[in-house]
């Protein structure tokens, strides 16, 4: 095996290792604390019991953070979400995203 092939194998294994670990940018515990107001619509375990509100459990962390920031900036418009995120800091958003991403999407 030549040097380039070895480098490709190492890079591939490193990528798999990174993807298989749950590393969150935000603080899960802080996100759980901050999620108290979210639970009314999105459920205590991130699974909504109300058909018009999405499940958040197991959603991708970066996606959640981007959507919350888009609601906050007004880029994404929603009469319910706009006031909910208006007072959130970037750290709050990162923490909420980490918390919901850490939850089991099956609701268990």
PDB file of N, CA and C in Angstrom:
ATOM      1  N   UNK A   1       0.855  -1.172   0.000  1.00  0.00           N
ATOM      2  CA  UNK A   1       0.000   0.000   0.000  1.00  0.00           C
ATOM      3  C   UNK A   1       0.900   1.233   0.000  1.00  0.00           C
ATOM      4  N   UNK A   2       0.660   2.140  -0.925  1.00  0.00           N
ATOM      5  CA  UNK A   2       1.493   3.331  -1.007  1.00  0.00           C
ATOM      6  C   UNK A   2       1.056   4.378   0.029  1.00  0.00           C
ATOM      7  N   UNK A   3       1.819   5.418   0.125  1.00  0.00           N
ATOM      8  CA  UNK A   3       1.594   6.460   1.128  1.00  0.00           C
ATOM      9  C   UNK A   3       0.236   7.142   0.968  1.00  0.00           C
ATOM     10  N   UNK A   4      -0.165   7.381  -0.268  1.00  0.00           N
ATOM     11  CA  UNK A   4      -1.456   8.033  -0.511  1.00  0.00           C
ATOM     12  C   UNK A   4      -2.599   7.123  -0.086  1.00  0.00           C
ATOM     13  N   UNK A   5      -2.518   5.847  -0.379  1.00  0.00           N
ATOM     14  CA  UNK A   5      -3.557   4.905   0.036  1.00  0.00           C
ATOM     15  C   UNK A   5      -3.658   4.824   1.547  1.00  0.00           C
ATOM     16  N   UNK A   6      -2.511   4.807   2.228  1.00  0.00           N
ATOM     17  CA  UNK A   6      -2.512   4.768   3.685  1.00  0.00           C
ATOM     18  C   UNK A   6      -3.160   6.036   4.260  1.00  0.00           C
ATOM     19  N   UNK A   7      -2.834   7.164   3.658  1.00  0.00           N
ATOM     20  CA  UNK A   7      -3.403   8.430   4.119  1.00  0.00           C
ATOM     21  C   UNK A   7      -4.925   8.433   3.936  1.00  0.00           C
ATOM     22  N   UNK A   8      -5.408   7.872   2.838  1.00  0.00           N
ATOM     23  CA  UNK A   8      -6.848   7.801   2.589  1.00  0.00           C
ATOM     24  C   UNK A   8      -7.540   6.907   3.618  1.00  0.00           C
ATOM     25  N   UNK A   9      -6.918   5.796   3.948  1.00  0.00           N
ATOM     26  CA  UNK A   9      -7.488   4.887   4.945  1.00  0.00           C
ATOM     27  C   UNK A   9      -7.559   5.583   6.306  1.00  0.00           C
ATOM     28  N   UNK A  10      -6.501   6.259   6.697  1.00  0.00           N
ATOM     29  CA  UNK A  10      -6.474   6.965   7.975  1.00  0.00           C
ATOM     30  C   UNK A  10      -7.540   8.059   7.992  1.00  0.00           C
ATOM     31  N   UNK A  11      -7.640   8.811   6.918  1.00  0.00           N
ATOM     32  CA  UNK A  11      -8.638   9.883   6.839  1.00  0.00           C
ATOM     33  C   UNK A  11     -10.053   9.317   6.918  1.00  0.00           C
ATOM     34  N   UNK A  12     -10.295   8.203   6.246  1.00  0.00           N
ATOM     35  CA  UNK A  12     -11.615   7.571   6.274  1.00  0.00           C
ATOM     36  C   UNK A  12     -11.964   7.085   7.668  1.00  0.00           C
ATOM     37  N   UNK A  13     -11.034   6.447   8.332  1.00  0.00           N
ATOM     38  CA  UNK A  13     -11.278   5.952   9.684  1.00  0.00           C
ATOM     39  C   UNK A  13     -11.508   7.104  10.654  1.00  0.00           C
ATOM     40  N   UNK A  14     -10.772   8.176  10.474  1.00  0.00           N
ATOM     41  CA  UNK A  14     -10.953   9.349  11.339  1.00  0.00           C
ATOM     42  C   UNK A  14     -12.336   9.951  11.157  1.00  0.00           C
ATOM     43  N   UNK A  15     -12.785  10.021   9.915  1.00  0.00           N
ATOM     44  CA  UNK A  15     -14.110  10.564   9.618  1.00  0.00           C
ATOM     45  C   UNK A  15     -15.192   9.701  10.239  1.00  0.00           C
ATOM     46  N   UNK A  16     -15.076   8.389  10.101  1.00  0.00           N
ATOM     47  CA  UNK A  16     -16.058   7.479  10.689  1.00  0.00           C
ATOM     48  C   UNK A  16     -16.082   7.646  12.197  1.00  0.00           C
ATOM     49  N   UNK A  17     -14.930   7.748  12.818  1.00  0.00           N
ATOM     50  CA  UNK A  17     -14.858   7.918  14.275  1.00  0.00           C
ATOM     51  C   UNK A  17     -15.528   9.217  14.705  1.00  0.00           C
ATOM     52  N   UNK A  18     -15.306  10.280  13.960  1.00  0.00           N
ATOM     53  CA  UNK A  18     -15.919  11.571  14.312  1.00  0.00           C
ATOM     54  C   UNK A  18     -17.428  11.519  14.144  1.00  0.00           C
ATOM     55  N   UNK A  19     -17.905  10.858  13.094  1.00  0.00           N
ATOM     56  CA  UNK A  19     -19.333  10.807  12.838  1.00  0.00           C
ATOM     57  C   UNK A  19     -20.066   9.899  13.812  1.00  0.00           C
ATOM     58  N   UNK A  20     -19.374   8.947  14.388  1.00  0.00           N
ATOM     59  CA  UNK A  20     -20.036   8.000  15.268  1.00  0.00           C
ATOM     60  C   UNK A  20     -20.080   8.467  16.721  1.00  0.00           C
ATOM     61  N   UNK A  21     -19.431   9.570  17.035  1.00  0.00           N
ATOM     62  CA  UNK A  21     -19.466  10.083  18.399  1.00  0.00           C
ATOM     63  C   UNK A  21     -20.466  11.220  18.490  1.00  0.00           C
ATOM     64  N   UNK A  22     -21.118  11.339  19.612  1.00  0.00           N
ATOM     65  CA  UNK A  22     -22.075  12.415  19.835  1.00  0.00           C
ATOM     66  C   UNK A  22     -21.368  13.593  20.468  1.00  0.00           C
ATOM     67  N   UNK A  23     -20.921  14.493  19.629  1.00  0.00           N
ATOM     68  CA  UNK A  23     -20.243  15.701  20.102  1.00  0.00           C
ATOM     69  C   UNK A  23     -21.149  16.871  19.756  1.00  0.00           C
ATOM     70  N   UNK A  24     -21.587  17.556  20.789  1.00  0.00           N
ATOM     71  CA  UNK A  24     -22.500  18.664  20.580  1.00  0.00           C
ATOM     72  C   UNK A  24     -21.790  19.981  20.855  1.00  0.00           C
ATOM     73  N   UNK A  25     -22.124  20.980  20.054  1.00  0.00           N
ATOM     74  CA  UNK A  25     -21.513  22.298  20.222  1.00  0.00           C
ATOM     75  C   UNK A  25     -22.060  23.004  21.455  1.00  0.00           C
ATOM     76  N   UNK A  26     -23.329  22.793  21.730  1.00  0.00           N
ATOM     77  CA  UNK A  26     -23.959  23.457  22.860  1.00  0.00           C
ATOM     78  C   UNK A  26     -23.933  22.615  24.120  1.00  0.00           C
ATOM     79  N   UNK A  27     -24.399  23.203  25.196  1.00  0.00           N
ATOM     80  CA  UNK A  27     -24.475  22.559  26.511  1.00  0.00           C
ATOM     81  C   UNK A  27     -25.855  21.924  26.658  1.00  0.00           C
ATOM     82  N   UNK A  28     -25.907  20.599  26.665  1.00  0.00           N
ATOM     83  CA  UNK A  28     -27.176  19.874  26.710  1.00  0.00           C
ATOM     84  C   UNK A  28     -27.966  20.201  27.974  1.00  0.00           C
ATOM     85  N   UNK A  29     -27.303  20.216  29.122  1.00  0.00           N
ATOM     86  CA  UNK A  29     -27.999  20.489  30.392  1.00  0.00           C
ATOM     87  C   UNK A  29     -28.607  21.896  30.391  1.00  0.00           C
ATOM     88  N   UNK A  30     -27.859  22.876  29.908  1.00  0.00           N
ATOM     89  CA  UNK A  30     -28.382  24.247  29.832  1.00  0.00           C
ATOM     90  C   UNK A  30     -29.544  24.319  28.845  1.00  0.00           C
ATOM     91  N   UNK A  31     -29.449  23.574  27.757  1.00  0.00           N
ATOM     92  CA  UNK A  31     -30.538  23.535  26.782  1.00  0.00           C
ATOM     93  C   UNK A  31     -31.794  22.925  27.353  1.00  0.00           C
ATOM     94  N   UNK A  32     -31.636  21.874  28.162  1.00  0.00           N
ATOM     95  CA  UNK A  32     -32.793  21.245  28.800  1.00  0.00           C
ATOM     96  C   UNK A  32     -33.492  22.239  29.715  1.00  0.00           C
ATOM     97  N   UNK A  33     -32.712  22.981  30.487  1.00  0.00           N
ATOM     98  CA  UNK A  33     -33.283  23.993  31.378  1.00  0.00           C
ATOM     99  C   UNK A  33     -34.026  25.056  30.570  1.00  0.00           C
ATOM    100  N   UNK A  34     -33.430  25.493  29.489  1.00  0.00           N
ATOM    101  CA  UNK A  34     -34.008  26.560  28.667  1.00  0.00           C
ATOM    102  C   UNK A  34     -35.243  26.082  27.899  1.00  0.00           C
ATOM    103  N   UNK A  35     -35.403  24.775  27.739  1.00  0.00           N
ATOM    104  CA  UNK A  35     -36.481  24.232  26.911  1.00  0.00           C
ATOM    105  C   UNK A  35     -37.843  24.219  27.592  1.00  0.00           C
ATOM    106  N   UNK A  36     -37.927  24.686  28.818  1.00  0.00           N
ATOM    107  CA  UNK A  36     -39.194  24.629  29.556  1.00  0.00           C
ATOM    108  C   UNK A  36     -40.352  25.245  28.771  1.00  0.00           C
ATOM    109  N   UNK A  37     -40.128  26.367  28.118  1.00  0.00           N
ATOM    110  CA  UNK A  37     -41.217  27.000  27.364  1.00  0.00           C
ATOM    111  C   UNK A  37     -41.493  26.291  26.039  1.00  0.00           C
ATOM    112  N   UNK A  38     -40.526  25.557  25.542  1.00  0.00           N
ATOM    113  CA  UNK A  38     -40.688  24.836  24.272  1.00  0.00           C
ATOM    114  C   UNK A  38     -41.604  23.624  24.429  1.00  0.00           C
ATOM    115  N   UNK A  39     -41.638  23.084  25.643  1.00  0.00           N
ATOM    116  CA  UNK A  39     -42.352  21.828  25.896  1.00  0.00           C
ATOM    117  C   UNK A  39     -43.847  21.908  25.630  1.00  0.00           C
ATOM    118  N   UNK A  40     -44.440  23.077  25.785  1.00  0.00           N
ATOM    119  CA  UNK A  40     -45.881  23.211  25.574  1.00  0.00           C
ATOM    120  C   UNK A  40     -46.283  22.796  24.159  1.00  0.00           C
ATOM    121  N   UNK A  41     -45.459  23.118  23.193  1.00  0.00           N
ATOM    122  CA  UNK A  41     -45.766  22.790  21.797  1.00  0.00           C
ATOM    123  C   UNK A  41     -44.989  21.576  21.280  1.00  0.00           C
ATOM    124  N   UNK A  42     -43.742  21.450  21.695  1.00  0.00           N
ATOM    125  CA  UNK A  42     -42.870  20.411  21.143  1.00  0.00           C
ATOM    126  C   UNK A  42     -42.733  19.183  22.028  1.00  0.00           C
ATOM    127  N   UNK A  43     -43.450  19.150  23.158  1.00  0.00           N
ATOM    128  CA  UNK A  43     -43.463  17.985  24.028  1.00  0.00           C
ATOM    129  C   UNK A  43     -42.295  17.936  25.000  1.00  0.00           C
ATOM    130  N   UNK A  44     -42.519  17.254  26.122  1.00  0.00           N
ATOM    131  CA  UNK A  44     -41.495  17.152  27.174  1.00  0.00           C
ATOM    132  C   UNK A  44     -40.276  16.380  26.720  1.00  0.00           C
ATOM    133  N   UNK A  45     -40.452  15.468  25.773  1.00  0.00           N
ATOM    134  CA  UNK A  45     -39.332  14.670  25.275  1.00  0.00           C
ATOM    135  C   UNK A  45     -39.001  15.000  23.819  1.00  0.00           C
ATOM    136  N   UNK A  46     -39.465  16.172  23.371  1.00  0.00           N
ATOM    137  CA  UNK A  46     -39.194  16.610  22.002  1.00  0.00           C
ATOM    138  C   UNK A  46     -40.122  16.011  20.964  1.00  0.00           C
ATOM    139  N   UNK A  47     -41.144  15.277  21.422  1.00  0.00           N
ATOM    140  CA  UNK A  47     -42.133  14.684  20.525  1.00  0.00           C
ATOM    141  C   UNK A  47     -43.454  15.408  20.752  1.00  0.00           C
ATOM    142  N   UNK A  48     -43.891  16.141  19.755  1.00  0.00           N
ATOM    143  CA  UNK A  48     -45.096  16.949  19.867  1.00  0.00           C
ATOM    144  C   UNK A  48     -46.353  16.080  19.821  1.00  0.00           C
ATOM    145  N   UNK A  49     -47.296  16.414  20.654  1.00  0.00           N
ATOM    146  CA  UNK A  49     -48.601  15.755  20.631  1.00  0.00           C
ATOM    147  C   UNK A  49     -49.602  16.556  19.793  1.00  0.00           C
ATOM    148  N   UNK A  50     -49.144  17.709  19.289  1.00  0.00           N
ATOM    149  CA  UNK A  50     -50.000  18.599  18.506  1.00  0.00           C
ATOM    150  C   UNK A  50     -49.565  18.490  17.043  1.00  0.00           C
ATOM    151  N   UNK A  51     -50.463  18.056  16.162  1.00  0.00           N
ATOM    152  CA  UNK A  51     -50.073  17.786  14.774  1.00  0.00           C
ATOM    153  C   UNK A  51     -49.397  18.934  14.024  1.00  0.00           C
ATOM    154  N   UNK A  52     -49.709  20.168  14.354  1.00  0.00           N
ATOM    155  CA  UNK A  52     -49.126  21.283  13.591  1.00  0.00           C
ATOM    156  C   UNK A  52     -47.715  21.675  14.041  1.00  0.00           C
ATOM    157  N   UNK A  53     -47.227  21.089  15.156  1.00  0.00           N
ATOM    158  CA  UNK A  53     -45.890  21.428  15.655  1.00  0.00           C
ATOM    159  C   UNK A  53     -44.943  20.259  15.428  1.00  0.00           C
ATOM    160  N   UNK A  54     -43.735  20.538  14.950  1.00  0.00           N
ATOM    161  CA  UNK A  54     -42.803  19.452  14.614  1.00  0.00           C
ATOM    162  C   UNK A  54     -42.160  18.808  15.840  1.00  0.00           C
ATOM    163  N   UNK A  55     -41.783  17.552  15.665  1.00  0.00           N
ATOM    164  CA  UNK A  55     -40.954  16.871  16.655  1.00  0.00           C
ATOM    165  C   UNK A  55     -39.544  17.434  16.528  1.00  0.00           C
ATOM    166  N   UNK A  56     -38.883  17.648  17.654  1.00  0.00           N
ATOM    167  CA  UNK A  56     -37.518  18.174  17.644  1.00  0.00           C
ATOM    168  C   UNK A  56     -36.499  17.128  18.090  1.00  0.00           C
ATOM    169  N   UNK A  57     -36.957  16.091  18.762  1.00  0.00           N
ATOM    170  CA  UNK A  57     -36.051  15.063  19.284  1.00  0.00           C
ATOM    171  C   UNK A  57     -35.260  14.403  18.158  1.00  0.00           C
ATOM    172  N   UNK A  58     -33.952  14.402  18.312  1.00  0.00           N
ATOM    173  CA  UNK A  58     -33.077  13.744  17.344  1.00  0.00           C
ATOM    174  C   UNK A  58     -32.821  14.529  16.072  1.00  0.00           C
ATOM    175  N   UNK A  59     -33.383  15.721  15.984  1.00  0.00           N
ATOM    176  CA  UNK A  59     -33.135  16.559  14.810  1.00  0.00           C
ATOM    177  C   UNK A  59     -31.666  16.982  14.814  1.00  0.00           C
ATOM    178  N   UNK A  60     -31.099  17.240  13.693  1.00  0.00           N
ATOM    179  CA  UNK A  60     -29.686  17.625  13.601  1.00  0.00           C
ATOM    180  C   UNK A  60     -29.444  18.967  14.290  1.00  0.00           C
ATOM    181  N   UNK A  61     -28.378  19.004  15.086  1.00  0.00           N
ATOM    182  CA  UNK A  61     -28.071  20.177  15.902  1.00  0.00           C
ATOM    183  C   UNK A  61     -27.885  21.441  15.065  1.00  0.00           C
ATOM    184  N   UNK A  62     -27.091  21.351  14.018  1.00  0.00           N
ATOM    185  CA  UNK A  62     -26.847  22.543  13.194  1.00  0.00           C
ATOM    186  C   UNK A  62     -28.118  23.032  12.526  1.00  0.00           C
ATOM    187  N   UNK A  63     -28.954  22.105  12.087  1.00  0.00           N
ATOM    188  CA  UNK A  63     -30.223  22.476  11.466  1.00  0.00           C
ATOM    189  C   UNK A  63     -31.096  23.236  12.463  1.00  0.00           C
ATOM    190  N   UNK A  64     -31.217  22.697  13.673  1.00  0.00           N
ATOM    191  CA  UNK A  64     -32.032  23.368  14.693  1.00  0.00           C
ATOM    192  C   UNK A  64     -31.518  24.769  14.983  1.00  0.00           C
ATOM    193  N   UNK A  65     -30.209  24.894  15.149  1.00  0.00           N
ATOM    194  CA  UNK A  65     -29.629  26.210  15.441  1.00  0.00           C
ATOM    195  C   UNK A  65     -29.897  27.192  14.300  1.00  0.00           C
ATOM    196  N   UNK A  66     -29.716  26.744  13.069  1.00  0.00           N
ATOM    197  CA  UNK A  66     -29.959  27.623  11.921  1.00  0.00           C
ATOM    198  C   UNK A  66     -31.420  28.069  11.851  1.00  0.00           C
ATOM    199  N   UNK A  67     -32.341  27.146  12.123  1.00  0.00           N
ATOM    200  CA  UNK A  67     -33.760  27.499  12.058  1.00  0.00           C
ATOM    201  C   UNK A  67     -34.141  28.477  13.164  1.00  0.00           C
ATOM    202  N   UNK A  68     -33.636  28.240  14.369  1.00  0.00           N
ATOM    203  CA  UNK A  68     -33.937  29.162  15.469  1.00  0.00           C
ATOM    204  C   UNK A  68     -33.383  30.558  15.184  1.00  0.00           C
ATOM    205  N   UNK A  69     -32.188  30.611  14.627  1.00  0.00           N
ATOM    206  CA  UNK A  69     -31.598  31.910  14.277  1.00  0.00           C
ATOM    207  C   UNK A  69     -32.386  32.584  13.163  1.00  0.00           C
ATOM    208  N   UNK A  70     -32.896  31.792  12.215  1.00  0.00           N
ATOM    209  CA  UNK A  70     -33.705  32.355  11.122  1.00  0.00           C
ATOM    210  C   UNK A  70     -35.033  32.894  11.650  1.00  0.00           C
ATOM    211  N   UNK A  71     -35.642  32.204  12.605  1.00  0.00           N
ATOM    212  CA  UNK A  71     -36.862  32.728  13.238  1.00  0.00           C
ATOM    213  C   UNK A  71     -36.551  34.024  13.981  1.00  0.00           C
ATOM    214  N   UNK A  72     -35.441  34.034  14.709  1.00  0.00           N
ATOM    215  CA  UNK A  72     -35.075  35.209  15.504  1.00  0.00           C
ATOM    216  C   UNK A  72     -34.807  36.432  14.626  1.00  0.00           C
ATOM    217  N   UNK A  73     -34.129  36.227  13.500  1.00  0.00           N
ATOM    218  CA  UNK A  73     -33.788  37.349  12.619  1.00  0.00           C
ATOM    219  C   UNK A  73     -34.966  37.816  11.769  1.00  0.00           C
ATOM    220  N   UNK A  74     -35.996  36.984  11.678  1.00  0.00           N
ATOM    221  CA  UNK A  74     -37.127  37.313  10.815  1.00  0.00           C
ATOM    222  C   UNK A  74     -36.976  36.763   9.418  1.00  0.00           C
ATOM    223  N   UNK A  75     -35.835  36.128   9.136  1.00  0.00           N
ATOM    224  CA  UNK A  75     -35.615  35.515   7.823  1.00  0.00           C
ATOM    225  C   UNK A  75     -36.661  34.416   7.586  1.00  0.00           C
ATOM    226  N   UNK A  76     -36.967  33.683   8.633  1.00  0.00           N
ATOM    227  CA  UNK A  76     -38.032  32.687   8.590  1.00  0.00           C
ATOM    228  C   UNK A  76     -39.173  33.233   9.439  1.00  0.00           C
ATOM    229  N   UNK A  77     -40.333  33.365   8.834  1.00  0.00           N
ATOM    230  CA  UNK A  77     -41.451  34.024   9.507  1.00  0.00           C
ATOM    231  C   UNK A  77     -42.434  33.000  10.064  1.00  0.00           C
ATOM    232  N   UNK A  78     -42.796  33.204  11.332  1.00  0.00           N
ATOM    233  CA  UNK A  78     -43.799  32.372  11.975  1.00  0.00           C
ATOM    234  C   UNK A  78     -44.318  33.147  13.180  1.00  0.00           C
ATOM    235  N   UNK A  79     -45.631  33.331  13.247  1.00  0.00           N
ATOM    236  CA  UNK A  79     -46.223  34.139  14.316  1.00  0.00           C
ATOM    237  C   UNK A  79     -46.019  33.528  15.701  1.00  0.00           C
ATOM    238  N   UNK A  80     -45.919  32.223  15.778  1.00  0.00           N
ATOM    239  CA  UNK A  80     -45.731  31.563  17.073  1.00  0.00           C
ATOM    240  C   UNK A  80     -44.261  31.598  17.482  1.00  0.00           C
ATOM    241  N   UNK A  81     -43.371  31.262  16.566  1.00  0.00           N
ATOM    242  CA  UNK A  81     -41.956  31.143  16.899  1.00  0.00           C
ATOM    243  C   UNK A  81     -41.246  32.482  17.081  1.00  0.00           C
ATOM    244  N   UNK A  82     -41.647  33.496  16.356  1.00  0.00           N
ATOM    245  CA  UNK A  82     -40.952  34.790  16.437  1.00  0.00           C
ATOM    246  C   UNK A  82     -40.851  35.307  17.871  1.00  0.00           C
ATOM    247  N   UNK A  83     -41.944  35.365  18.623  1.00  0.00           N
ATOM    248  CA  UNK A  83     -41.801  35.855  20.002  1.00  0.00           C
ATOM    249  C   UNK A  83     -41.083  34.867  20.918  1.00  0.00           C
ATOM    250  N   UNK A  84     -41.128  33.592  20.593  1.00  0.00           N
ATOM    251  CA  UNK A  84     -40.473  32.586  21.424  1.00  0.00           C
ATOM    252  C   UNK A  84     -38.947  32.710  21.381  1.00  0.00           C
ATOM    253  N   UNK A  85     -38.414  33.091  20.230  1.00  0.00           N
ATOM    254  CA  UNK A  85     -36.958  33.141  20.060  1.00  0.00           C
ATOM    255  C   UNK A  85     -36.386  34.548  20.158  1.00  0.00           C
ATOM    256  N   UNK A  86     -37.236  35.543  20.232  1.00  0.00           N
ATOM    257  CA  UNK A  86     -36.775  36.939  20.211  1.00  0.00           C
ATOM    258  C   UNK A  86     -35.722  37.227  21.272  1.00  0.00           C
ATOM    259  N   UNK A  87     -35.873  36.693  22.458  1.00  0.00           N
ATOM    260  CA  UNK A  87     -34.944  36.978  23.546  1.00  0.00           C
ATOM    261  C   UNK A  87     -33.820  35.973  23.713  1.00  0.00           C
ATOM    262  N   UNK A  88     -33.720  35.015  22.812  1.00  0.00           N
ATOM    263  CA  UNK A  88     -32.667  34.001  22.937  1.00  0.00           C
ATOM    264  C   UNK A  88     -31.320  34.530  22.451  1.00  0.00           C
ATOM    265  N   UNK A  89     -30.287  34.250  23.216  1.00  0.00           N
ATOM    266  CA  UNK A  89     -28.920  34.579  22.787  1.00  0.00           C
ATOM    267  C   UNK A  89     -28.419  33.470  21.862  1.00  0.00           C
ATOM    268  N   UNK A  90     -27.292  33.709  21.212  1.00  0.00           N
ATOM    269  CA  UNK A  90     -26.685  32.665  20.385  1.00  0.00           C
ATOM    270  C   UNK A  90     -26.365  31.434  21.233  1.00  0.00           C
ATOM    271  N   UNK A  91     -25.898  31.654  22.460  1.00  0.00           N
ATOM    272  CA  UNK A  91     -25.579  30.533  23.350  1.00  0.00           C
ATOM    273  C   UNK A  91     -26.840  29.754  23.704  1.00  0.00           C
ATOM    274  N   UNK A  92     -27.951  30.459  23.971  1.00  0.00           N
ATOM    275  CA  UNK A  92     -29.223  29.790  24.253  1.00  0.00           C
ATOM    276  C   UNK A  92     -29.619  28.892  23.088  1.00  0.00           C
ATOM    277  N   UNK A  93     -29.496  29.424  21.888  1.00  0.00           N
ATOM    278  CA  UNK A  93     -29.863  28.673  20.688  1.00  0.00           C
ATOM    279  C   UNK A  93     -28.973  27.442  20.531  1.00  0.00           C
ATOM    280  N   UNK A  94     -27.676  27.609  20.708  1.00  0.00           N
ATOM    281  CA  UNK A  94     -26.758  26.467  20.604  1.00  0.00           C
ATOM    282  C   UNK A  94     -27.096  25.402  21.648  1.00  0.00           C
ATOM    283  N   UNK A  95     -27.433  25.834  22.851  1.00  0.00           N
ATOM    284  CA  UNK A  95     -27.763  24.898  23.921  1.00  0.00           C
ATOM    285  C   UNK A  95     -29.075  24.164  23.649  1.00  0.00           C
ATOM    286  N   UNK A  96     -30.080  24.887  23.178  1.00  0.00           N
ATOM    287  CA  UNK A  96     -31.345  24.246  22.830  1.00  0.00           C
ATOM    288  C   UNK A  96     -31.155  23.244  21.701  1.00  0.00           C
ATOM    289  N   UNK A  97     -30.385  23.630  20.701  1.00  0.00           N
ATOM    290  CA  UNK A  97     -30.132  22.731  19.576  1.00  0.00           C
ATOM    291  C   UNK A  97     -29.414  21.461  20.040  1.00  0.00           C
ATOM    292  N   UNK A  98     -28.441  21.610  20.920  1.00  0.00           N
ATOM    293  CA  UNK A  98     -27.718  20.447  21.446  1.00  0.00           C
ATOM    294  C   UNK A  98     -28.658  19.552  22.239  1.00  0.00           C
ATOM    295  N   UNK A  99     -29.499  20.151  23.059  1.00  0.00           N
ATOM    296  CA  UNK A  99     -30.431  19.371  23.876  1.00  0.00           C
ATOM    297  C   UNK A  99     -31.374  18.559  22.998  1.00  0.00           C
ATOM    298  N   UNK A 100     -32.046  19.209  22.049  1.00  0.00           N
ATOM    299  CA  UNK A 100     -33.002  18.478  21.226  1.00  0.00           C
ATOM    300  C   UNK A 100     -32.319  17.460  20.312  1.00  0.00           C
ATOM    301  N   UNK A 101     -31.138  17.772  19.846  1.00  0.00           N
ATOM    302  CA  UNK A 101     -30.394  16.798  19.022  1.00  0.00           C
ATOM    303  C   UNK A 101     -29.992  15.571  19.833  1.00  0.00           C
ATOM    304  N   UNK A 102     -29.822  15.737  21.130  1.00  0.00           N
ATOM    305  CA  UNK A 102     -29.407  14.618  21.972  1.00  0.00           C
ATOM    306  C   UNK A 102     -30.538  13.675  22.331  1.00  0.00           C
ATOM    307  N   UNK A 103     -31.771  14.095  22.098  1.00  0.00           N
ATOM    308  CA  UNK A 103     -32.929  13.270  22.478  1.00  0.00           C
ATOM    309  C   UNK A 103     -33.192  12.161  21.471  1.00  0.00           C
ATOM    310  N   UNK A 104     -33.712  11.064  21.960  1.00  0.00           N
ATOM    311  CA  UNK A 104     -34.064   9.916  21.116  1.00  0.00           C
ATOM    312  C   UNK A 104     -35.294  10.274  20.278  1.00  0.00           C
ATOM    313  N   UNK A 105     -35.188  10.195  18.955  1.00  0.00           N
ATOM    314  CA  UNK A 105     -36.326  10.560  18.110  1.00  0.00           C
ATOM    315  C   UNK A 105     -37.533   9.635  18.271  1.00  0.00           C
ATOM    316  N   UNK A 106     -37.352   8.494  18.930  1.00  0.00           N
ATOM    317  CA  UNK A 106     -38.498   7.597  19.156  1.00  0.00           C
ATOM    318  C   UNK A 106     -39.298   8.042  20.378  1.00  0.00           C
ATOM    319  N   UNK A 107     -38.777   9.033  21.105  1.00  0.00           N
ATOM    320  CA  UNK A 107     -39.473   9.552  22.269  1.00  0.00           C
ATOM    321  C   UNK A 107     -39.186   8.786  23.555  1.00  0.00           C
ATOM    322  N   UNK A 108     -38.283   7.840  23.496  1.00  0.00           N
ATOM    323  CA  UNK A 108     -37.959   7.030  24.689  1.00  0.00           C
ATOM    324  C   UNK A 108     -36.925   7.698  25.531  1.00  0.00           C
TER     325      UNK A 108
END
